[in-house]
C-alpha cells in the first residue's frame, strides 16, 4: 500500500515537473515570436509601409500566431517591402512558412 502511494506521488511530481517545463518552454517560444513580430513591424515601418496591422490570432488558429498586414503605395513598393522583410528575417535565421499572394502582390 505504501509503495503504491509513493509511486502515485512520484508520478504526480513528474507530471508537475513536465507541466512546469512545458509552461516555461511556451513562454520562451512566445517571447521569441513577439521579437520576430516586432522585427517585422520595424522593417515594414523602416520601408514606409502604410497602415501596418498586427493581429493576434493565436487563440483562434493553430496555423499562425499573428497576421501582419501592411499596405504599399504601388506594386514596386510592395515588392520592396516583401523582399526587405524576407531579407532581414533570413539574416536573423527566420524563414517564413508562407507569404500570401507573393505571385501577384498588388491586390
PDB file of N, CA and C in Angstrom:
ATOM      1  N   UNK A   1       0.829  -1.195   0.000  1.00  0.00           N
ATOM      2  CA  UNK A   1       0.000   0.000   0.000  1.00  0.00           C
ATOM      3  C   UNK A   1       0.874   1.259   0.000  1.00  0.00           C
ATOM      4  N   UNK A   2       1.879   1.282   0.848  1.00  0.00           N
ATOM      5  CA  UNK A   2       2.756   2.436   0.934  1.00  0.00           C
ATOM      6  C   UNK A   2       3.484   2.682  -0.389  1.00  0.00           C
ATOM      7  N   UNK A   3       3.933   1.589  -1.053  1.00  0.00           N
ATOM      8  CA  UNK A   3       4.641   1.731  -2.320  1.00  0.00           C
ATOM      9  C   UNK A   3       3.744   2.310  -3.413  1.00  0.00           C
ATOM     10  N   UNK A   4       2.471   1.927  -3.434  1.00  0.00           N
ATOM     11  CA  UNK A   4       1.547   2.475  -4.429  1.00  0.00           C
ATOM     12  C   UNK A   4       1.378   3.983  -4.248  1.00  0.00           C
ATOM     13  N   UNK A   5       1.207   4.399  -3.014  1.00  0.00           N
ATOM     14  CA  UNK A   5       1.050   5.831  -2.749  1.00  0.00           C
ATOM     15  C   UNK A   5       2.317   6.587  -3.146  1.00  0.00           C
ATOM     16  N   UNK A   6       3.465   6.003  -2.847  1.00  0.00           N
ATOM     17  CA  UNK A   6       4.726   6.644  -3.193  1.00  0.00           C
ATOM     18  C   UNK A   6       4.878   6.750  -4.711  1.00  0.00           C
ATOM     19  N   UNK A   7       4.493   5.698  -5.436  1.00  0.00           N
ATOM     20  CA  UNK A   7       4.545   5.742  -6.901  1.00  0.00           C
ATOM     21  C   UNK A   7       3.603   6.817  -7.450  1.00  0.00           C
ATOM     22  N   UNK A   8       2.415   6.911  -6.866  1.00  0.00           N
ATOM     23  CA  UNK A   8       1.457   7.928  -7.296  1.00  0.00           C
ATOM     24  C   UNK A   8       2.019   9.325  -7.052  1.00  0.00           C
ATOM     25  N   UNK A   9       2.630   9.521  -5.905  1.00  0.00           N
ATOM     26  CA  UNK A   9       3.235  10.817  -5.591  1.00  0.00           C
ATOM     27  C   UNK A   9       4.354  11.151  -6.566  1.00  0.00           C
ATOM     28  N   UNK A  10       5.186  10.139  -6.874  1.00  0.00           N
ATOM     29  CA  UNK A  10       6.289  10.353  -7.801  1.00  0.00           C
ATOM     30  C   UNK A  10       5.764  10.699  -9.193  1.00  0.00           C
ATOM     31  N   UNK A  11       4.753   9.985  -9.665  1.00  0.00           N
ATOM     32  CA  UNK A  11       4.153  10.285 -10.965  1.00  0.00           C
ATOM     33  C   UNK A  11       3.544  11.683 -10.974  1.00  0.00           C
ATOM     34  N   UNK A  12       2.903  12.045  -9.870  1.00  0.00           N
ATOM     35  CA  UNK A  12       2.317  13.384  -9.766  1.00  0.00           C
ATOM     36  C   UNK A  12       3.411  14.448  -9.854  1.00  0.00           C
ATOM     37  N   UNK A  13       4.497  14.250  -9.095  1.00  0.00           N
ATOM     38  CA  UNK A  13       5.611  15.202  -9.129  1.00  0.00           C
ATOM     39  C   UNK A  13       6.228  15.281 -10.525  1.00  0.00           C
ATOM     40  N   UNK A  14       6.406  14.129 -11.176  1.00  0.00           N
ATOM     41  CA  UNK A  14       6.949  14.108 -12.528  1.00  0.00           C
ATOM     42  C   UNK A  14       6.017  14.847 -13.488  1.00  0.00           C
ATOM     43  N   UNK A  15       4.722  14.642 -13.318  1.00  0.00           N
ATOM     44  CA  UNK A  15       3.746  15.339 -14.149  1.00  0.00           C
ATOM     45  C   UNK A  15       3.801  16.836 -13.927  1.00  0.00           C
ATOM     46  N   UNK A  16       3.925  17.250 -12.687  1.00  0.00           N
ATOM     47  CA  UNK A  16       4.013  18.670 -12.370  1.00  0.00           C
ATOM     48  C   UNK A  16       5.298  19.267 -12.933  1.00  0.00           C
ATOM     49  N   UNK A  17       6.398  18.523 -12.839  1.00  0.00           N
ATOM     50  CA  UNK A  17       7.663  18.998 -13.412  1.00  0.00           C
ATOM     51  C   UNK A  17       7.529  19.172 -14.925  1.00  0.00           C
ATOM     52  N   UNK A  18       6.879  18.217 -15.571  1.00  0.00           N
ATOM     53  CA  UNK A  18       6.666  18.297 -17.014  1.00  0.00           C
ATOM     54  C   UNK A  18       5.840  19.540 -17.358  1.00  0.00           C
ATOM     55  N   UNK A  19       4.758  19.758 -16.626  1.00  0.00           N
ATOM     56  CA  UNK A  19       3.905  20.918 -16.894  1.00  0.00           C
ATOM     57  C   UNK A  19       4.658  22.226 -16.695  1.00  0.00           C
ATOM     58  N   UNK A  20       5.490  22.273 -15.672  1.00  0.00           N
ATOM     59  CA  UNK A  20       6.280  23.474 -15.407  1.00  0.00           C
ATOM     60  C   UNK A  20       7.263  23.730 -16.554  1.00  0.00           C
ATOM     61  N   UNK A  21       7.957  22.673 -17.004  1.00  0.00           N
ATOM     62  CA  UNK A  21       8.903  22.825 -18.112  1.00  0.00           C
ATOM     63  C   UNK A  21       8.181  23.214 -19.395  1.00  0.00           C
ATOM     64  N   UNK A  22       7.041  22.611 -19.633  1.00  0.00           N
ATOM     65  CA  UNK A  22       6.259  22.923 -20.827  1.00  0.00           C
ATOM     66  C   UNK A  22       5.785  24.381 -20.798  1.00  0.00           C
ATOM     67  N   UNK A  23       5.362  24.841 -19.641  1.00  0.00           N
ATOM     68  CA  UNK A  23       4.929  26.231 -19.496  1.00  0.00           C
ATOM     69  C   UNK A  23       6.093  27.189 -19.751  1.00  0.00           C
ATOM     70  N   UNK A  24       7.256  26.872 -19.216  1.00  0.00           N
ATOM     71  CA  UNK A  24       8.437  27.707 -19.444  1.00  0.00           C
ATOM     72  C   UNK A  24       8.819  27.718 -20.919  1.00  0.00           C
ATOM     73  N   UNK A  25       8.736  26.553 -21.571  1.00  0.00           N
ATOM     74  CA  UNK A  25       9.060  26.459 -22.992  1.00  0.00           C
ATOM     75  C   UNK A  25       8.099  27.318 -23.810  1.00  0.00           C
ATOM     76  N   UNK A  26       6.822  27.266 -23.475  1.00  0.00           N
ATOM     77  CA  UNK A  26       5.828  28.068 -24.197  1.00  0.00           C
ATOM     78  C   UNK A  26       6.063  29.555 -24.000  1.00  0.00           C
ATOM     79  N   UNK A  27       6.436  29.948 -22.788  1.00  0.00           N
ATOM     80  CA  UNK A  27       6.722  31.364 -22.535  1.00  0.00           C
ATOM     81  C   UNK A  27       7.923  31.831 -23.346  1.00  0.00           C
ATOM     82  N   UNK A  28       8.960  30.995 -23.423  1.00  0.00           N
ATOM     83  CA  UNK A  28      10.140  31.344 -24.213  1.00  0.00           C
ATOM     84  C   UNK A  28       9.778  31.435 -25.692  1.00  0.00           C
ATOM     85  N   UNK A  29       8.981  30.487 -26.160  1.00  0.00           N
ATOM     86  CA  UNK A  29       8.555  30.484 -27.558  1.00  0.00           C
ATOM     87  C   UNK A  29       7.735  31.735 -27.879  1.00  0.00           C
ATOM     88  N   UNK A  30       6.833  32.095 -26.982  1.00  0.00           N
ATOM     89  CA  UNK A  30       6.008  33.290 -27.183  1.00  0.00           C
ATOM     90  C   UNK A  30       6.882  34.543 -27.216  1.00  0.00           C
ATOM     91  N   UNK A  31       7.900  34.598 -26.357  1.00  0.00           N
ATOM     92  CA  UNK A  31       8.813  35.743 -26.344  1.00  0.00           C
ATOM     93  C   UNK A  31       9.582  35.825 -27.668  1.00  0.00           C
ATOM     94  N   UNK A  32      10.007  34.688 -28.202  1.00  0.00           N
ATOM     95  CA  UNK A  32      10.711  34.669 -29.487  1.00  0.00           C
ATOM     96  C   UNK A  32       9.789  35.137 -30.613  1.00  0.00           C
ATOM     97  N   UNK A  33       8.561  34.659 -30.593  1.00  0.00           N
ATOM     98  CA  UNK A  33       7.596  35.059 -31.618  1.00  0.00           C
ATOM     99  C   UNK A  33       7.336  36.555 -31.534  1.00  0.00           C
ATOM    100  N   UNK A  34       7.193  37.077 -30.322  1.00  0.00           N
ATOM    101  CA  UNK A  34       6.965  38.516 -30.157  1.00  0.00           C
ATOM    102  C   UNK A  34       8.143  39.329 -30.693  1.00  0.00           C
ATOM    103  N   UNK A  35       9.358  38.838 -30.504  1.00  0.00           N
ATOM    104  CA  UNK A  35      10.538  39.528 -31.034  1.00  0.00           C
ATOM    105  C   UNK A  35      10.514  39.535 -32.563  1.00  0.00           C
ATOM    106  N   UNK A  36      10.109  38.415 -33.166  1.00  0.00           N
ATOM    107  CA  UNK A  36      10.011  38.345 -34.620  1.00  0.00           C
ATOM    108  C   UNK A  36       8.962  39.324 -35.131  1.00  0.00           C
ATOM    109  N   UNK A  37       7.821  39.364 -34.462  1.00  0.00           N
ATOM    110  CA  UNK A  37       6.750  40.283 -34.871  1.00  0.00           C
ATOM    111  C   UNK A  37       7.232  41.728 -34.772  1.00  0.00           C
ATOM    112  N   UNK A  38       7.909  42.067 -33.690  1.00  0.00           N
ATOM    113  CA  UNK A  38       8.443  43.431 -33.534  1.00  0.00           C
ATOM    114  C   UNK A  38       9.451  43.752 -34.634  1.00  0.00           C
ATOM    115  N   UNK A  39      10.275  42.770 -34.991  1.00  0.00           N
ATOM    116  CA  UNK A  39      11.266  42.981 -36.046  1.00  0.00           C
ATOM    117  C   UNK A  39      10.577  43.226 -37.391  1.00  0.00           C
ATOM    118  N   UNK A  40       9.568  42.421 -37.693  1.00  0.00           N
ATOM    119  CA  UNK A  40       8.832  42.607 -38.947  1.00  0.00           C
ATOM    120  C   UNK A  40       8.187  43.983 -38.982  1.00  0.00           C
ATOM    121  N   UNK A  41       7.564  44.369 -37.879  1.00  0.00           N
ATOM    122  CA  UNK A  41       6.929  45.689 -37.817  1.00  0.00           C
ATOM    123  C   UNK A  41       7.963  46.789 -38.064  1.00  0.00           C
ATOM    124  N   UNK A  42       9.110  46.680 -37.414  1.00  0.00           N
ATOM    125  CA  UNK A  42      10.156  47.700 -37.559  1.00  0.00           C
ATOM    126  C   UNK A  42      10.664  47.771 -38.995  1.00  0.00           C
ATOM    127  N   UNK A  43      10.830  46.618 -39.630  1.00  0.00           N
ATOM    128  CA  UNK A  43      11.301  46.590 -41.018  1.00  0.00           C
ATOM    129  C   UNK A  43      10.271  47.237 -41.934  1.00  0.00           C
ATOM    130  N   UNK A  44       8.999  46.892 -41.741  1.00  0.00           N
ATOM    131  CA  UNK A  44       7.945  47.490 -42.559  1.00  0.00           C
ATOM    132  C   UNK A  44       7.871  49.001 -42.345  1.00  0.00           C
ATOM    133  N   UNK A  45       7.975  49.410 -41.101  1.00  0.00           N
ATOM    134  CA  UNK A  45       7.938  50.833 -40.783  1.00  0.00           C
ATOM    135  C   UNK A  45       9.139  51.558 -41.395  1.00  0.00           C
ATOM    136  N   UNK A  46      10.296  50.921 -41.339  1.00  0.00           N
ATOM    137  CA  UNK A  46      11.514  51.491 -41.910  1.00  0.00           C
ATOM    138  C   UNK A  46      11.375  51.709 -43.414  1.00  0.00           C
ATOM    139  N   UNK A  47      10.680  50.813 -44.083  1.00  0.00           N
ATOM    140  CA  UNK A  47      10.469  50.929 -45.532  1.00  0.00           C
ATOM    141  C   UNK A  47       9.193  51.694 -45.874  1.00  0.00           C
ATOM    142  N   UNK A  48       8.630  52.375 -44.899  1.00  0.00           N
ATOM    143  CA  UNK A  48       7.478  53.258 -45.060  1.00  0.00           C
ATOM    144  C   UNK A  48       6.219  52.538 -45.541  1.00  0.00           C
ATOM    145  N   UNK A  49       5.994  51.335 -44.999  1.00  0.00           N
ATOM    146  CA  UNK A  49       4.721  50.662 -45.261  1.00  0.00           C
ATOM    147  C   UNK A  49       3.617  51.479 -44.603  1.00  0.00           C
ATOM    148  N   UNK A  50       2.442  51.392 -45.160  1.00  0.00           N
ATOM    149  CA  UNK A  50       1.322  52.176 -44.646  1.00  0.00           C
ATOM    150  C   UNK A  50       0.331  51.271 -43.928  1.00  0.00           C
ATOM    151  N   UNK A  51      -0.306  51.806 -42.907  1.00  0.00           N
ATOM    152  CA  UNK A  51      -1.390  51.135 -42.202  1.00  0.00           C
ATOM    153  C   UNK A  51      -1.017  49.716 -41.761  1.00  0.00           C
ATOM    154  N   UNK A  52       0.096  49.593 -41.037  1.00  0.00           N
ATOM    155  CA  UNK A  52       0.582  48.294 -40.581  1.00  0.00           C
ATOM    156  C   UNK A  52      -0.328  47.790 -39.462  1.00  0.00           C
ATOM    157  N   UNK A  53      -0.817  46.583 -39.621  1.00  0.00           N
ATOM    158  CA  UNK A  53      -1.681  45.957 -38.618  1.00  0.00           C
ATOM    159  C   UNK A  53      -1.056  44.647 -38.165  1.00  0.00           C
ATOM    160  N   UNK A  54      -1.001  44.443 -36.857  1.00  0.00           N
ATOM    161  CA  UNK A  54      -0.567  43.180 -36.277  1.00  0.00           C
ATOM    162  C   UNK A  54      -1.774  42.610 -35.552  1.00  0.00           C
ATOM    163  N   UNK A  55      -2.226  41.448 -36.011  1.00  0.00           N
ATOM    164  CA  UNK A  55      -3.434  40.848 -35.461  1.00  0.00           C
ATOM    165  C   UNK A  55      -3.059  39.530 -34.785  1.00  0.00           C
ATOM    166  N   UNK A  56      -3.309  39.444 -33.494  1.00  0.00           N
ATOM    167  CA  UNK A  56      -3.033  38.229 -32.724  1.00  0.00           C
ATOM    168  C   UNK A  56      -4.174  37.236 -32.955  1.00  0.00           C
ATOM    169  N   UNK A  57      -3.849  36.124 -33.601  1.00  0.00           N
ATOM    170  CA  UNK A  57      -4.857  35.088 -33.855  1.00  0.00           C
ATOM    171  C   UNK A  57      -4.503  33.785 -33.144  1.00  0.00           C
ATOM    172  N   UNK A  58      -3.593  33.855 -32.196  1.00  0.00           N
ATOM    173  CA  UNK A  58      -3.103  32.641 -31.533  1.00  0.00           C
ATOM    174  C   UNK A  58      -4.195  31.894 -30.772  1.00  0.00           C
ATOM    175  N   UNK A  59      -5.204  32.611 -30.310  1.00  0.00           N
ATOM    176  CA  UNK A  59      -6.278  31.966 -29.555  1.00  0.00           C
ATOM    177  C   UNK A  59      -7.314  31.295 -30.455  1.00  0.00           C
ATOM    178  N   UNK A  60      -7.303  31.629 -31.743  1.00  0.00           N
ATOM    179  CA  UNK A  60      -8.334  31.083 -32.633  1.00  0.00           C
ATOM    180  C   UNK A  60      -7.764  30.273 -33.790  1.00  0.00           C
ATOM    181  N   UNK A  61      -6.448  30.166 -33.894  1.00  0.00           N
ATOM    182  CA  UNK A  61      -5.846  29.467 -35.022  1.00  0.00           C
ATOM    183  C   UNK A  61      -4.714  28.559 -34.565  1.00  0.00           C
ATOM    184  N   UNK A  62      -4.601  27.420 -35.216  1.00  0.00           N
ATOM    185  CA  UNK A  62      -3.454  26.549 -34.987  1.00  0.00           C
ATOM    186  C   UNK A  62      -2.411  26.731 -36.086  1.00  0.00           C
ATOM    187  N   UNK A  63      -2.738  27.527 -37.099  1.00  0.00           N
ATOM    188  CA  UNK A  63      -1.848  27.730 -38.234  1.00  0.00           C
ATOM    189  C   UNK A  63      -0.847  28.851 -38.017  1.00  0.00           C
ATOM    190  N   UNK A  64      -1.231  29.861 -37.254  1.00  0.00           N
ATOM    191  CA  UNK A  64      -0.365  31.024 -37.074  1.00  0.00           C
ATOM    192  C   UNK A  64      -0.684  31.690 -35.744  1.00  0.00           C
ATOM    193  N   UNK A  65       0.261  32.472 -35.267  1.00  0.00           N
ATOM    194  CA  UNK A  65       0.047  33.252 -34.050  1.00  0.00           C
ATOM    195  C   UNK A  65      -0.378  34.681 -34.383  1.00  0.00           C
ATOM    196  N   UNK A  66       0.142  35.200 -35.483  1.00  0.00           N
ATOM    197  CA  UNK A  66      -0.154  36.573 -35.867  1.00  0.00           C
ATOM    198  C   UNK A  66      -0.343  36.680 -37.375  1.00  0.00           C
ATOM    199  N   UNK A  67      -1.184  37.614 -37.779  1.00  0.00           N
ATOM    200  CA  UNK A  67      -1.228  38.110 -39.145  1.00  0.00           C
ATOM    201  C   UNK A  67      -0.612  39.490 -39.103  1.00  0.00           C
ATOM    202  N   UNK A  68       0.245  39.760 -40.050  1.00  0.00           N
ATOM    203  CA  UNK A  68       0.818  41.095 -40.178  1.00  0.00           C
ATOM    204  C   UNK A  68       0.422  41.593 -41.561  1.00  0.00           C
ATOM    205  N   UNK A  69      -0.320  42.676 -41.581  1.00  0.00           N
ATOM    206  CA  UNK A  69      -0.849  43.218 -42.824  1.00  0.00           C
ATOM    207  C   UNK A  69      -0.331  44.639 -42.977  1.00  0.00           C
ATOM    208  N   UNK A  70       0.143  44.943 -44.180  1.00  0.00           N
ATOM    209  CA  UNK A  70       0.630  46.293 -44.450  1.00  0.00           C
ATOM    210  C   UNK A  70       0.268  46.673 -45.882  1.00  0.00           C
ATOM    211  N   UNK A  71       0.158  47.955 -46.106  1.00  0.00           N
ATOM    212  CA  UNK A  71      -0.155  48.474 -47.432  1.00  0.00           C
ATOM    213  C   UNK A  71       1.078  49.158 -48.003  1.00  0.00           C
ATOM    214  N   UNK A  72       1.186  49.075 -49.341  1.00  0.00           N
ATOM    215  CA  UNK A  72       2.239  49.787 -50.049  1.00  0.00           C
ATOM    216  C   UNK A  72       1.614  50.735 -51.044  1.00  0.00           C
ATOM    217  N   UNK A  73       2.403  51.696 -51.484  1.00  0.00           N
ATOM    218  CA  UNK A  73       1.881  52.719 -52.388  1.00  0.00           C
ATOM    219  C   UNK A  73       1.640  52.194 -53.803  1.00  0.00           C
ATOM    220  N   UNK A  74       2.472  51.251 -54.233  1.00  0.00           N
ATOM    221  CA  UNK A  74       2.329  50.681 -55.574  1.00  0.00           C
ATOM    222  C   UNK A  74       2.989  49.305 -55.595  1.00  0.00           C
ATOM    223  N   UNK A  75       2.941  48.653 -56.744  1.00  0.00           N
ATOM    224  CA  UNK A  75       3.470  47.292 -56.842  1.00  0.00           C
ATOM    225  C   UNK A  75       4.960  47.233 -56.531  1.00  0.00           C
ATOM    226  N   UNK A  76       5.709  48.212 -57.006  1.00  0.00           N
ATOM    227  CA  UNK A  76       7.154  48.233 -56.733  1.00  0.00           C
ATOM    228  C   UNK A  76       7.429  48.384 -55.240  1.00  0.00           C
ATOM    229  N   UNK A  77       6.653  49.231 -54.582  1.00  0.00           N
ATOM    230  CA  UNK A  77       6.817  49.441 -53.147  1.00  0.00           C
ATOM    231  C   UNK A  77       6.474  48.154 -52.386  1.00  0.00           C
ATOM    232  N   UNK A  78       5.411  47.500 -52.795  1.00  0.00           N
ATOM    233  CA  UNK A  78       5.012  46.243 -52.147  1.00  0.00           C
ATOM    234  C   UNK A  78       6.100  45.186 -52.324  1.00  0.00           C
ATOM    235  N   UNK A  79       6.641  45.077 -53.542  1.00  0.00           N
ATOM    236  CA  UNK A  79       7.730  44.124 -53.796  1.00  0.00           C
ATOM    237  C   UNK A  79       8.932  44.423 -52.897  1.00  0.00           C
ATOM    238  N   UNK A  80       9.261  45.698 -52.749  1.00  0.00           N
ATOM    239  CA  UNK A  80      10.385  46.087 -51.895  1.00  0.00           C
ATOM    240  C   UNK A  80      10.111  45.746 -50.431  1.00  0.00           C
ATOM    241  N   UNK A  81       8.878  45.955 -49.985  1.00  0.00           N
ATOM    242  CA  UNK A  81       8.519  45.610 -48.602  1.00  0.00           C
ATOM    243  C   UNK A  81       8.708  44.123 -48.351  1.00  0.00           C
ATOM    244  N   UNK A  82       8.147  43.308 -49.231  1.00  0.00           N
ATOM    245  CA  UNK A  82       8.241  41.855 -49.064  1.00  0.00           C
ATOM    246  C   UNK A  82       9.692  41.400 -49.099  1.00  0.00           C
ATOM    247  N   UNK A  83      10.441  41.877 -50.081  1.00  0.00           N
ATOM    248  CA  UNK A  83      11.843  41.477 -50.210  1.00  0.00           C
ATOM    249  C   UNK A  83      12.659  41.887 -48.987  1.00  0.00           C
ATOM    250  N   UNK A  84      12.407  43.090 -48.482  1.00  0.00           N
ATOM    251  CA  UNK A  84      13.163  43.582 -47.329  1.00  0.00           C
ATOM    252  C   UNK A  84      12.836  42.772 -46.062  1.00  0.00           C
ATOM    253  N   UNK A  85      11.572  42.461 -45.861  1.00  0.00           N
ATOM    254  CA  UNK A  85      11.185  41.643 -44.699  1.00  0.00           C
ATOM    255  C   UNK A  85      11.825  40.270 -44.809  1.00  0.00           C
ATOM    256  N   UNK A  86      11.738  39.646 -45.989  1.00  0.00           N
ATOM    257  CA  UNK A  86      12.340  38.324 -46.169  1.00  0.00           C
ATOM    258  C   UNK A  86      13.846  38.358 -45.904  1.00  0.00           C
ATOM    259  N   UNK A  87      14.516  39.389 -46.411  1.00  0.00           N
ATOM    260  CA  UNK A  87      15.963  39.519 -46.242  1.00  0.00           C
ATOM    261  C   UNK A  87      16.338  39.678 -44.771  1.00  0.00           C
ATOM    262  N   UNK A  88      15.665  40.584 -44.078  1.00  0.00           N
ATOM    263  CA  UNK A  88      16.003  40.848 -42.673  1.00  0.00           C
ATOM    264  C   UNK A  88      15.713  39.635 -41.793  1.00  0.00           C
ATOM    265  N   UNK A  89      14.631  38.935 -42.074  1.00  0.00           N
ATOM    266  CA  UNK A  89      14.325  37.736 -41.298  1.00  0.00           C
ATOM    267  C   UNK A  89      15.333  36.629 -41.584  1.00  0.00           C
ATOM    268  N   UNK A  90      15.718  36.469 -42.848  1.00  0.00           N
ATOM    269  CA  UNK A  90      16.711  35.454 -43.203  1.00  0.00           C
ATOM    270  C   UNK A  90      18.036  35.726 -42.505  1.00  0.00           C
ATOM    271  N   UNK A  91      18.405  37.006 -42.416  1.00  0.00           N
ATOM    272  CA  UNK A  91      19.632  37.377 -41.699  1.00  0.00           C
ATOM    273  C   UNK A  91      19.560  36.959 -40.234  1.00  0.00           C
ATOM    274  N   UNK A  92      18.346  36.949 -39.693  1.00  0.00           N
ATOM    275  CA  UNK A  92      18.148  36.546 -38.293  1.00  0.00           C
ATOM    276  C   UNK A  92      17.893  35.042 -38.162  1.00  0.00           C
ATOM    277  N   UNK A  93      17.918  34.332 -39.296  1.00  0.00           N
ATOM    278  CA  UNK A  93      17.702  32.884 -39.253  1.00  0.00           C
ATOM    279  C   UNK A  93      16.243  32.482 -39.194  1.00  0.00           C
ATOM    280  N   UNK A  94      15.351  33.389 -39.583  1.00  0.00           N
ATOM    281  CA  UNK A  94      13.917  33.110 -39.562  1.00  0.00           C
ATOM    282  C   UNK A  94      13.427  33.100 -41.005  1.00  0.00           C
ATOM    283  N   UNK A  95      12.766  32.014 -41.366  1.00  0.00           N
ATOM    284  CA  UNK A  95      12.270  31.880 -42.728  1.00  0.00           C
ATOM    285  C   UNK A  95      10.763  31.690 -42.695  1.00  0.00           C
ATOM    286  N   UNK A  96      10.012  32.517 -43.450  1.00  0.00           N
ATOM    287  CA  UNK A  96       8.552  32.424 -43.419  1.00  0.00           C
ATOM    288  C   UNK A  96       8.073  31.108 -44.027  1.00  0.00           C
ATOM    289  N   UNK A  97       7.019  30.576 -43.441  1.00  0.00           N
ATOM    290  CA  UNK A  97       6.425  29.357 -43.990  1.00  0.00           C
ATOM    291  C   UNK A  97       5.567  29.682 -45.199  1.00  0.00           C
ATOM    292  N   UNK A  98       4.980  30.878 -45.206  1.00  0.00           N
ATOM    293  CA  UNK A  98       4.125  31.262 -46.324  1.00  0.00           C
ATOM    294  C   UNK A  98       3.982  32.777 -46.372  1.00  0.00           C
ATOM    295  N   UNK A  99       4.012  33.301 -47.591  1.00  0.00           N
ATOM    296  CA  UNK A  99       3.726  34.712 -47.803  1.00  0.00           C
ATOM    297  C   UNK A  99       2.547  34.765 -48.749  1.00  0.00           C
ATOM    298  N   UNK A 100       1.476  35.345 -48.304  1.00  0.00           N
ATOM    299  CA  UNK A 100       0.243  35.386 -49.100  1.00  0.00           C
ATOM    300  C   UNK A 100       0.414  36.240 -50.336  1.00  0.00           C
ATOM    301  N   UNK A 101      -0.054  35.704 -51.452  1.00  0.00           N
ATOM    302  CA  UNK A 101      -0.141  36.441 -52.713  1.00  0.00           C
ATOM    303  C   UNK A 101       1.220  36.921 -53.205  1.00  0.00           C
ATOM    304  N   UNK A 102       2.263  36.104 -53.059  1.00  0.00           N
ATOM    305  CA  UNK A 102       3.590  36.542 -53.482  1.00  0.00           C
ATOM    306  C   UNK A 102       3.734  36.612 -55.003  1.00  0.00           C
ATOM    307  N   UNK A 103       2.899  35.904 -55.774  1.00  0.00           N
ATOM    308  CA  UNK A 103       2.996  35.956 -57.237  1.00  0.00           C
ATOM    309  C   UNK A 103       2.432  37.270 -57.781  1.00  0.00           C
ATOM    310  N   UNK A 104       1.333  37.748 -57.211  1.00  0.00           N
ATOM    311  CA  UNK A 104       0.692  38.989 -57.660  1.00  0.00           C
ATOM    312  C   UNK A 104       0.455  39.845 -56.431  1.00  0.00           C
ATOM    313  N   UNK A 105       1.427  40.649 -56.066  1.00  0.00           N
ATOM    314  CA  UNK A 105       1.403  41.335 -54.771  1.00  0.00           C
ATOM    315  C   UNK A 105       0.510  42.567 -54.731  1.00  0.00           C
ATOM    316  N   UNK A 106      -0.060  42.969 -55.813  1.00  0.00           N
ATOM    317  CA  UNK A 106      -0.816  44.206 -55.798  1.00  0.00           C
ATOM    318  C   UNK A 106      -2.326  43.998 -55.868  1.00  0.00           C
ATOM    319  N   UNK A 107      -2.902  43.370 -54.866  1.00  0.00           N
ATOM    320  CA  UNK A 107      -4.344  43.116 -54.890  1.00  0.00           C
ATOM    321  C   UNK A 107      -5.079  44.432 -54.941  1.00  0.00           C
TER     322      UNK A 107
END
